[in-house]
Amino acid sequence: MRIFTVCIVVCLFGVLGSCENSSSVFVATSEWQTVKKGQPIPKGLHVRHNFQTGATEAKLLEEDNETRENIDDKKMKSLSLHSDAVLHDAANDLVLSIDELKERLKKIKLETGDGADSLEHQEGIKKAFRSYEEIKEDFKALEMNITTDSEIVTNILSKFKSYEKSLASGTLPKSEADAVLQIFNDLEFLLHQVDNAQLFADLGGMEKIISPCLNITNDDVKIEALIILGTSVQSNPKVQLRAMNADLVQKLLHTLTVASRVSLQSRCMFALGALVRQFPAAQKVLIDHGGLEIFGKILEDGDVQVQLRVMKLITDLSIERENIKNTEDEGLRMRKIREYERTEFERKLLLHNYCKYLSNLIIKNYKEVTMSHEFLEIVLENMITLSGTCREVFRDPENSLFDAVEGLVGDYGTVERAARADELEIRENLSKQILRLRSLVFGDVHDEL
């Protein structure tokens, strides 16, 4: 059990405990001594009492060099009991006189503007700060109608209504064409968001805007419409379906065949590729409407930029079919196989001579020494991907593909000809692709370069 003590500095009274008389007088020293019951003690001693044992002890107060502030602080922190006189003396040190307190309060009032010069002080505050009413007025002036992306898309589509007649006629005055181009520019950023693209389609964007814009004579408007179409359908099955149902696959194929500008053809391939990728139903529409035949003709005499887009798309469509094998769910895998089989992709490639056009493309460019590294890379990738379908066509001795491949093996086999490190890496990668194509189509003619 803990022992609790109370230390008492006896300053006014000289007796502790009961008032019993004792003839012996307590003689204090610097050490604690027990005070007998009823024994009188002199003033100014340090006294403590043990409430458990009932013993009272006392000793002389210790003198040291501590300042008054330190002594007072120690008194405040101790569990000492002091006489009324000591407490009164300590309080006097902290109490201000009435006059001094009034002077201090007066000074505070003057500093806060409640004195004689407060009006001048308040005027200064008004000049430095605006009132609450003024601030509220400023916020009212800044109030704007906050609109969501969906509201913006809806508002943009409503702007097309004023151009419906011109679009239906197939011609747009320059002023209207510029306005439509600006609307497309505003739409493009918004339609990268899946939800916005779906809203655009749900509100009839395919039928009311894209389709009419593809029928007009202004190529600039057509190009922007194709960008909007490709952006909205990309990796967005719901919008792809709306676009297919709006007959946009057929319209894109038609635009591709009649367009004279390379930039328009290229944008058309962009939109077409975004519409049919990972969407076998749209791929079937493309194939059924002669898309592969059109692609073959582009490989035969089209612009290089458009040819590259065609080969990339065919490579992607072929890889899609290969990736079905990796579908873990058996039911889903079988359903996908049936969907892709309906397109007759491989059979139509052979039927429309795509393999032959592809083979002739690399032969022609090799003979004319016009192939860039990028072009050769895309051609090789397309031929390797289709090697299983097109092997017999590629091996046909009449098209001399074997000679062209052997020539490329020799050209790219000596990689040390490259002057730069990046050039060396490109040639090494192309050399590996050439060897792979030769192996897949013709077998290993040589063990190494």
Protein backbone atom coordinates (compact mmCIF):
# COMPACT_ATOMS: atom_id res chain seq x y z
CA MET A 1 0.00 0.00 0.00
CA ARG A 2 1.33 3.42 -0.92
CA ILE A 3 2.32 5.92 1.73
CA PHE A 4 0.89 9.39 1.23
CA THR A 5 2.57 12.34 2.90
CA VAL A 6 1.61 15.98 3.21
CA CYS A 7 4.36 18.56 3.58
CA ILE A 8 3.42 21.66 5.50
CA VAL A 9 5.45 24.83 5.84
CA VAL A 10 4.48 26.26 9.17
CA CYS A 11 4.74 30.02 8.95
CA LEU A 12 1.90 31.37 11.11
CA PHE A 13 1.32 28.64 13.62
CA GLY A 14 3.85 26.85 15.67
CA VAL A 15 1.87 23.87 16.78
CA LEU A 16 0.90 20.79 14.75
CA GLY A 17 -1.47 18.06 15.83
CA SER A 18 -3.55 18.26 18.97
CA CYS A 19 -3.36 21.09 21.42
CA GLU A 20 -1.92 18.90 24.11
CA ASN A 21 0.82 20.64 26.14
CA SER A 22 4.31 19.27 26.28
CA SER A 23 7.19 20.56 28.32
CA SER A 24 9.73 19.49 25.72
CA VAL A 25 10.36 21.82 22.79
CA PHE A 26 11.08 20.33 19.39
CA VAL A 27 14.62 21.18 18.23
CA ALA A 28 14.77 21.19 14.45
CA THR A 29 17.79 20.22 12.40
CA SER A 30 18.44 19.81 8.65
CA GLU A 31 17.40 16.15 8.95
CA TRP A 32 13.87 14.82 9.29
CA GLN A 33 12.92 14.16 12.92
CA THR A 34 9.76 12.68 14.41
CA VAL A 35 7.51 15.15 16.24
CA LYS A 36 5.96 13.68 19.32
CA LYS A 37 2.25 13.93 19.78
CA GLY A 38 1.37 17.32 21.26
CA GLN A 39 4.95 18.53 21.07
CA PRO A 40 5.15 22.24 20.05
CA ILE A 41 7.38 23.11 17.12
CA PRO A 42 8.85 26.48 16.16
CA LYS A 43 7.72 28.49 13.14
CA GLY A 44 9.22 28.15 9.64
CA LEU A 45 9.88 24.40 9.60
CA HIS A 46 9.31 21.95 6.79
CA VAL A 47 6.75 19.44 8.13
CA ARG A 48 5.40 16.18 6.65
CA HIS A 49 2.78 13.72 7.90
CA ASN A 50 2.38 10.03 7.07
CA PHE A 51 -1.36 9.29 7.00
CA GLN A 52 -0.82 5.53 7.15
CA THR A 53 1.40 5.43 10.24
CA GLY A 54 0.24 8.69 11.81
CA ALA A 55 3.87 9.85 12.21
CA THR A 56 4.74 13.55 11.79
CA GLU A 57 8.25 14.70 10.89
CA ALA A 58 9.85 18.12 10.60
CA LYS A 59 13.14 19.75 9.62
CA LEU A 60 14.65 23.17 8.88
CA LEU A 61 13.91 24.79 5.54
CA GLU A 62 16.80 24.49 3.06
CA GLU A 63 18.36 27.64 1.58
CA ASP A 64 19.87 27.62 -1.92
CA ASN A 65 20.66 29.93 -4.76
CA GLU A 66 17.50 29.31 -6.78
CA THR A 67 15.62 32.33 -8.03
CA ARG A 68 12.20 33.23 -6.74
CA GLU A 69 10.63 32.16 -10.00
CA ASN A 70 12.14 28.68 -9.77
CA ILE A 71 11.05 28.33 -6.14
CA ASP A 72 7.50 29.40 -7.00
CA ASP A 73 7.45 26.96 -9.90
CA LYS A 74 8.54 24.13 -7.64
CA LYS A 75 5.85 25.08 -5.13
CA MET A 76 3.20 24.92 -7.84
CA LYS A 77 4.34 21.44 -8.92
CA SER A 78 4.75 19.90 -5.45
CA LEU A 79 2.06 18.35 -3.26
CA SER A 80 2.93 20.81 -0.44
CA LEU A 81 0.37 22.51 1.77
CA HIS A 82 1.28 26.05 2.69
CA SER A 83 0.02 28.38 5.33
CA ASP A 84 -2.42 31.15 4.46
CA ALA A 85 0.31 33.72 4.83
CA VAL A 86 2.54 32.05 2.27
CA LEU A 87 -0.33 31.68 -0.21
CA HIS A 88 -1.29 35.30 0.30
CA ASP A 89 2.29 36.44 -0.37
CA ALA A 90 2.45 34.38 -3.56
CA ALA A 91 -0.88 35.77 -4.77
CA ASN A 92 0.28 39.33 -4.24
CA ASP A 93 3.03 38.77 -6.80
CA LEU A 94 0.44 37.93 -9.44
CA VAL A 95 -2.29 40.53 -8.71
CA LEU A 96 -2.27 43.88 -10.54
CA SER A 97 -3.48 47.04 -8.94
CA ILE A 98 -6.87 48.39 -10.04
CA ASP A 99 -5.31 51.42 -11.71
CA GLU A 100 -2.79 49.35 -13.60
CA LEU A 101 -5.54 46.93 -14.76
CA LYS A 102 -7.64 49.84 -16.06
CA GLU A 103 -4.69 51.20 -18.02
CA ARG A 104 -4.11 47.83 -19.66
CA LEU A 105 -7.79 47.42 -20.58
CA LYS A 106 -7.83 50.90 -22.04
CA LYS A 107 -4.82 50.02 -24.18
CA ILE A 108 -6.56 46.87 -25.48
CA LYS A 109 -9.66 48.87 -26.43
CA LEU A 110 -7.59 51.37 -28.34
CA GLU A 111 -5.79 48.61 -30.23
CA THR A 112 -9.09 46.99 -31.23
CA GLY A 113 -10.68 50.24 -32.36
CA ASP A 114 -13.11 50.72 -29.45
CA GLY A 115 -11.45 53.92 -28.32
CA ALA A 116 -11.75 57.53 -29.49
CA ASP A 117 -9.92 56.87 -32.75
CA SER A 118 -11.89 53.73 -33.65
CA LEU A 119 -13.72 55.35 -36.57
CA GLU A 120 -10.46 56.04 -38.36
CA HIS A 121 -9.31 52.52 -37.63
CA GLN A 122 -12.54 51.01 -38.99
CA GLU A 123 -12.28 53.03 -42.18
CA GLY A 124 -8.83 51.57 -42.74
CA ILE A 125 -10.21 48.06 -42.34
CA LYS A 126 -13.01 48.74 -44.84
CA LYS A 127 -10.51 49.94 -47.40
CA ALA A 128 -8.29 46.90 -46.93
CA PHE A 129 -11.07 44.27 -47.01
CA ARG A 130 -14.30 43.81 -48.92
CA SER A 131 -17.60 43.40 -47.14
CA TYR A 132 -19.44 40.09 -47.02
CA GLU A 133 -22.14 41.46 -49.35
CA GLU A 134 -19.52 42.47 -51.92
CA ILE A 135 -18.01 38.99 -51.82
CA LYS A 136 -21.44 37.41 -52.37
CA GLU A 137 -22.02 39.60 -55.40
CA ASP A 138 -18.70 38.52 -56.88
CA PHE A 139 -19.63 34.87 -56.52
CA LYS A 140 -22.96 35.47 -58.21
CA ALA A 141 -21.15 37.02 -61.15
CA LEU A 142 -18.96 33.91 -61.44
CA GLU A 143 -21.83 31.44 -61.38
CA MET A 144 -21.82 29.14 -64.45
CA ASN A 145 -24.00 26.30 -65.63
CA ILE A 146 -21.93 23.19 -64.88
CA THR A 147 -22.71 20.58 -67.52
CA THR A 148 -21.75 16.93 -67.77
CA ASP A 149 -20.07 15.33 -70.77
CA SER A 150 -23.38 13.77 -71.78
CA GLU A 151 -25.05 17.18 -71.81
CA ILE A 152 -22.23 18.58 -73.92
CA VAL A 153 -22.55 15.72 -76.42
CA THR A 154 -26.30 16.28 -76.59
CA ASN A 155 -25.84 20.01 -77.16
CA ILE A 156 -23.25 19.42 -79.89
CA LEU A 157 -25.52 17.01 -81.73
CA SER A 158 -28.33 19.54 -81.64
CA LYS A 159 -26.14 21.94 -83.61
CA PHE A 160 -26.22 19.58 -86.59
CA LYS A 161 -29.94 20.13 -87.08
CA SER A 162 -29.33 23.41 -88.88
CA TYR A 163 -27.15 21.58 -91.46
CA GLU A 164 -29.47 18.63 -92.16
CA LYS A 165 -30.74 19.99 -95.47
CA SER A 166 -27.26 20.78 -96.75
CA LEU A 167 -25.96 17.36 -95.73
CA ALA A 168 -28.92 15.67 -97.41
CA SER A 169 -28.21 17.57 -100.63
CA GLY A 170 -24.60 16.37 -100.65
CA THR A 171 -23.03 19.84 -100.67
CA LEU A 172 -22.02 22.24 -97.91
CA PRO A 173 -21.26 25.95 -98.35
CA LYS A 174 -17.81 26.83 -97.02
CA SER A 175 -19.21 28.62 -93.97
CA GLU A 176 -21.29 25.58 -93.03
CA ALA A 177 -18.42 23.21 -93.75
CA ASP A 178 -16.19 25.19 -91.38
CA ALA A 179 -18.88 25.05 -88.70
CA VAL A 180 -19.26 21.28 -89.10
CA LEU A 181 -15.50 20.82 -88.88
CA GLN A 182 -15.48 22.76 -85.61
CA ILE A 183 -18.25 20.58 -84.23
CA PHE A 184 -16.27 17.46 -85.14
CA ASN A 185 -13.23 18.94 -83.44
CA ASP A 186 -15.26 19.41 -80.24
CA LEU A 187 -16.64 15.87 -80.46
CA GLU A 188 -13.39 14.02 -81.02
CA PHE A 189 -12.02 14.48 -77.51
CA LEU A 190 -15.33 13.57 -75.85
CA LEU A 191 -15.87 10.39 -77.84
CA HIS A 192 -12.68 8.79 -76.53
CA GLN A 193 -14.78 8.07 -73.42
CA VAL A 194 -16.78 4.86 -73.81
CA ASP A 195 -19.95 6.27 -72.26
CA ASN A 196 -19.88 9.39 -74.42
CA ALA A 197 -19.41 7.29 -77.56
CA GLN A 198 -22.38 5.12 -76.60
CA LEU A 199 -24.51 8.21 -75.99
CA PHE A 200 -23.44 9.58 -79.38
CA ALA A 201 -24.60 6.35 -81.03
CA ASP A 202 -27.82 6.15 -79.00
CA LEU A 203 -28.76 9.67 -80.05
CA GLY A 204 -28.45 8.70 -83.70
CA GLY A 205 -24.96 9.99 -84.37
CA MET A 206 -24.22 7.23 -86.87
CA GLU A 207 -27.38 7.72 -88.92
CA LYS A 208 -27.84 11.49 -88.55
CA ILE A 209 -24.24 12.68 -88.73
CA ILE A 210 -21.61 10.15 -89.87
CA SER A 211 -23.57 8.58 -92.71
CA PRO A 212 -24.70 11.91 -94.30
CA CYS A 213 -21.18 13.34 -94.01
CA LEU A 214 -19.78 10.41 -96.01
CA ASN A 215 -22.15 11.23 -98.87
CA ILE A 216 -21.08 14.84 -99.43
CA THR A 217 -18.40 16.07 -101.83
CA ASN A 218 -16.27 17.88 -99.22
CA ASP A 219 -13.29 15.60 -98.51
CA ASP A 220 -12.22 17.54 -95.41
CA VAL A 221 -15.58 16.94 -93.76
CA LYS A 222 -15.43 13.28 -94.80
CA ILE A 223 -12.00 12.87 -93.21
CA GLU A 224 -13.18 14.38 -89.92
CA ALA A 225 -16.31 12.24 -89.95
CA LEU A 226 -14.11 9.14 -90.41
CA ILE A 227 -11.94 10.18 -87.47
CA ILE A 228 -15.05 10.59 -85.31
CA LEU A 229 -16.35 7.21 -86.44
CA GLY A 230 -13.07 5.41 -85.78
CA THR A 231 -12.72 7.07 -82.37
CA SER A 232 -16.22 6.19 -81.22
CA VAL A 233 -16.27 2.52 -82.33
CA GLN A 234 -12.75 1.61 -81.19
CA SER A 235 -12.94 -1.20 -78.60
CA ASN A 236 -16.61 -0.35 -78.02
CA PRO A 237 -18.87 -3.30 -79.03
CA LYS A 238 -22.15 -1.45 -78.50
CA VAL A 239 -21.13 1.39 -80.78
CA GLN A 240 -19.67 -1.06 -83.31
CA LEU A 241 -23.07 -2.74 -83.50
CA ARG A 242 -24.85 0.58 -84.05
CA ALA A 243 -22.40 1.50 -86.79
CA MET A 244 -22.79 -1.87 -88.52
CA ASN A 245 -26.57 -1.62 -88.35
CA ALA A 246 -26.30 1.84 -89.96
CA ASP A 247 -24.61 0.14 -92.97
CA LEU A 248 -21.38 2.00 -92.34
CA VAL A 249 -19.21 -0.99 -93.30
CA GLN A 250 -20.61 -0.82 -96.82
CA LYS A 251 -20.31 2.97 -96.93
CA LEU A 252 -16.67 2.78 -95.85
CA LEU A 253 -15.85 0.22 -98.56
CA HIS A 254 -17.52 2.43 -101.14
CA THR A 255 -15.63 5.51 -99.92
CA LEU A 256 -12.39 3.53 -100.06
CA THR A 257 -12.91 2.57 -103.69
CA VAL A 258 -13.97 6.01 -104.99
CA ALA A 259 -11.67 8.24 -102.93
CA SER A 260 -8.82 9.85 -104.83
CA ARG A 261 -7.00 11.47 -101.92
CA VAL A 262 -4.56 9.23 -100.07
CA SER A 263 -5.37 10.91 -96.75
CA LEU A 264 -9.06 10.10 -97.23
CA GLN A 265 -8.29 6.47 -98.09
CA SER A 266 -6.00 6.18 -95.09
CA ARG A 267 -8.64 7.58 -92.71
CA CYS A 268 -11.19 5.28 -94.24
CA MET A 269 -8.97 2.28 -93.44
CA PHE A 270 -8.56 3.58 -89.89
CA ALA A 271 -12.33 3.76 -89.36
CA LEU A 272 -12.93 0.42 -91.08
CA GLY A 273 -10.29 -1.34 -89.01
CA ALA A 274 -11.69 0.07 -85.74
CA LEU A 275 -15.19 -1.02 -86.75
CA VAL A 276 -14.44 -4.66 -87.63
CA ARG A 277 -11.65 -5.62 -85.19
CA GLN A 278 -12.83 -8.12 -82.55
CA PHE A 279 -16.28 -8.02 -84.19
CA PRO A 280 -16.83 -11.09 -86.41
CA ALA A 281 -20.32 -9.99 -87.48
CA ALA A 282 -18.90 -6.80 -89.01
CA GLN A 283 -16.02 -8.80 -90.52
CA LYS A 284 -18.56 -10.99 -92.29
CA VAL A 285 -20.24 -7.89 -93.72
CA LEU A 286 -16.87 -6.63 -94.92
CA ILE A 287 -15.99 -9.94 -96.57
CA ASP A 288 -19.44 -10.47 -98.07
CA HIS A 289 -19.31 -7.03 -99.70
CA GLY A 290 -15.97 -7.63 -101.40
CA GLY A 291 -13.68 -6.10 -98.79
CA LEU A 292 -10.88 -8.63 -99.34
CA GLU A 293 -11.07 -8.12 -103.09
CA ILE A 294 -10.77 -4.37 -102.60
CA PHE A 295 -7.80 -4.91 -100.30
CA GLY A 296 -6.08 -7.09 -102.90
CA LYS A 297 -6.38 -4.37 -105.50
CA ILE A 298 -4.91 -1.85 -103.08
CA LEU A 299 -1.90 -4.14 -102.65
CA GLU A 300 -1.60 -4.30 -106.42
CA ASP A 301 -1.54 -0.61 -107.22
CA GLY A 302 -2.47 1.41 -104.13
CA ASP A 303 -0.49 3.98 -102.19
CA VAL A 304 2.11 2.62 -99.76
CA GLN A 305 0.47 4.29 -96.75
CA VAL A 306 -2.86 2.63 -97.52
CA GLN A 307 -1.18 -0.69 -98.31
CA LEU A 308 0.41 -0.69 -94.87
CA ARG A 309 -2.99 -0.15 -93.21
CA VAL A 310 -4.50 -3.00 -95.24
CA MET A 311 -1.76 -5.46 -94.29
CA LYS A 312 -1.91 -4.49 -90.61
CA LEU A 313 -5.67 -5.07 -90.55
CA ILE A 314 -5.43 -8.48 -92.26
CA THR A 315 -2.67 -9.50 -89.83
CA ASP A 316 -4.84 -8.51 -86.86
CA LEU A 317 -7.88 -10.36 -88.18
CA SER A 318 -5.78 -13.50 -88.66
CA ILE A 319 -4.28 -13.24 -85.16
CA GLU A 320 -7.79 -12.91 -83.68
CA ARG A 321 -8.60 -16.34 -85.05
CA GLU A 322 -5.41 -17.85 -83.66
CA ASN A 323 -6.10 -16.39 -80.20
CA ILE A 324 -9.43 -18.19 -79.95
CA LYS A 325 -7.46 -21.32 -79.06
CA ASN A 326 -6.35 -19.61 -75.84
CA THR A 327 -9.93 -19.09 -74.60
CA GLU A 328 -10.19 -21.13 -71.40
CA ASP A 329 -13.99 -21.39 -71.25
CA GLU A 330 -14.85 -24.22 -73.60
CA GLY A 331 -18.38 -23.01 -74.30
CA LEU A 332 -17.17 -19.51 -75.13
CA ARG A 333 -14.34 -20.90 -77.26
CA MET A 334 -16.70 -23.03 -79.34
CA ARG A 335 -19.11 -20.12 -79.78
CA LYS A 336 -16.29 -17.87 -81.00
CA ILE A 337 -15.07 -20.55 -83.41
CA ARG A 338 -18.54 -20.80 -84.96
CA GLU A 339 -18.84 -17.01 -85.26
CA TYR A 340 -15.49 -16.67 -87.01
CA GLU A 341 -16.09 -19.68 -89.24
CA ARG A 342 -19.16 -17.96 -90.68
CA THR A 343 -16.94 -15.22 -92.11
CA GLU A 344 -15.03 -17.72 -94.32
CA PHE A 345 -12.01 -15.49 -93.90
CA GLU A 346 -9.33 -17.91 -95.08
CA ARG A 347 -11.33 -19.20 -98.04
CA LYS A 348 -12.17 -15.69 -99.23
CA LEU A 349 -8.52 -14.61 -98.97
CA LEU A 350 -7.65 -17.30 -101.51
CA LEU A 351 -10.74 -16.70 -103.60
CA HIS A 352 -10.03 -12.99 -104.04
CA ASN A 353 -6.30 -13.58 -104.65
CA TYR A 354 -5.13 -11.68 -101.59
CA CYS A 355 -2.26 -14.13 -101.09
CA LYS A 356 -1.14 -13.65 -104.68
CA TYR A 357 -1.27 -9.84 -104.43
CA LEU A 358 0.75 -9.99 -101.20
CA SER A 359 3.36 -12.25 -102.78
CA ASN A 360 3.63 -9.99 -105.83
CA LEU A 361 3.98 -6.93 -103.60
CA ILE A 362 7.21 -8.09 -102.00
CA ILE A 363 8.60 -9.37 -105.32
CA LYS A 364 7.88 -6.08 -107.06
CA ASN A 365 9.38 -3.92 -104.32
CA TYR A 366 12.43 -6.14 -104.01
CA LYS A 367 13.15 -5.90 -107.73
CA GLU A 368 12.69 -2.14 -107.73
CA VAL A 369 14.68 -1.75 -104.47
CA THR A 370 11.93 0.50 -103.07
CA MET A 371 11.24 -1.19 -99.73
CA SER A 372 11.88 0.73 -96.54
CA HIS A 373 12.60 -1.18 -93.35
CA GLU A 374 9.11 -0.36 -92.03
CA PHE A 375 7.43 -1.55 -95.21
CA LEU A 376 9.43 -4.80 -95.27
CA GLU A 377 8.63 -5.45 -91.61
CA ILE A 378 4.86 -5.10 -92.17
CA VAL A 379 4.95 -7.28 -95.31
CA LEU A 380 6.94 -10.02 -93.57
CA GLU A 381 4.62 -9.97 -90.55
CA ASN A 382 1.57 -10.30 -92.81
CA MET A 383 3.11 -13.14 -94.84
CA ILE A 384 4.27 -15.04 -91.74
CA THR A 385 0.81 -14.74 -90.15
CA LEU A 386 -0.87 -16.01 -93.33
CA SER A 387 1.77 -18.62 -94.12
CA GLY A 388 -0.56 -21.48 -93.22
CA THR A 389 -3.36 -20.20 -95.46
CA CYS A 390 -1.23 -18.91 -98.33
CA ARG A 391 1.62 -21.46 -98.38
CA GLU A 392 0.72 -23.05 -101.70
CA VAL A 393 0.34 -19.66 -103.39
CA PHE A 394 3.65 -18.46 -101.94
CA ARG A 395 5.39 -21.65 -103.13
CA ASP A 396 4.10 -21.29 -106.68
CA PRO A 397 7.28 -21.22 -108.81
CA GLU A 398 5.68 -18.89 -111.32
CA ASN A 399 5.65 -15.92 -108.96
CA SER A 400 9.36 -16.27 -108.07
CA LEU A 401 8.79 -15.45 -104.41
CA PHE A 402 11.51 -17.91 -103.47
CA ASP A 403 14.11 -15.89 -105.40
CA ALA A 404 13.03 -12.66 -103.72
CA VAL A 405 13.22 -14.23 -100.25
CA GLU A 406 16.67 -15.67 -100.97
CA GLY A 407 17.80 -12.27 -102.16
CA LEU A 408 16.57 -10.69 -98.93
CA VAL A 409 18.41 -13.35 -96.93
CA GLY A 410 21.61 -12.31 -98.62
CA ASP A 411 20.96 -8.58 -98.28
CA TYR A 412 20.11 -8.69 -94.59
CA GLY A 413 22.41 -11.53 -93.66
CA THR A 414 25.46 -9.27 -93.59
CA VAL A 415 24.32 -7.12 -90.68
CA GLU A 416 27.76 -5.57 -90.14
CA ARG A 417 27.06 -3.31 -93.09
CA ALA A 418 24.95 -1.13 -90.82
CA ALA A 419 26.69 2.09 -89.85
CA ARG A 420 24.67 2.83 -86.66
CA ALA A 421 23.74 0.72 -83.68
CA ASP A 422 19.98 1.27 -84.18
CA GLU A 423 20.33 0.38 -87.87
CA LEU A 424 22.16 -2.80 -86.87
CA GLU A 425 19.33 -3.85 -84.53
CA ILE A 426 16.70 -3.24 -87.21
CA ARG A 427 18.59 -5.31 -89.77
CA GLU A 428 19.09 -8.14 -87.28
CA ASN A 429 15.35 -8.28 -86.52
CA LEU A 430 14.46 -8.20 -90.20
CA SER A 431 16.98 -10.94 -90.92
CA LYS A 432 15.29 -13.17 -88.32
CA GLN A 433 11.88 -12.50 -89.86
CA ILE A 434 13.11 -13.32 -93.36
CA LEU A 435 14.59 -16.60 -92.18
CA ARG A 436 11.37 -17.45 -90.37
CA LEU A 437 9.30 -16.80 -93.50
CA ARG A 438 11.62 -18.93 -95.59
CA SER A 439 11.38 -21.74 -93.03
CA LEU A 440 7.58 -21.61 -92.82
CA VAL A 441 7.00 -21.47 -96.57
CA PHE A 442 9.95 -23.19 -98.23
CA GLY A 443 11.56 -25.18 -95.44
CA ASP A 444 15.15 -24.81 -94.28
CA VAL A 445 17.18 -24.44 -97.45
CA HIS A 446 20.29 -23.51 -95.48
CA ASP A 447 21.20 -24.25 -91.91
CA GLU A 448 22.39 -20.71 -91.37
CA LEU A 449 23.00 -17.51 -93.27
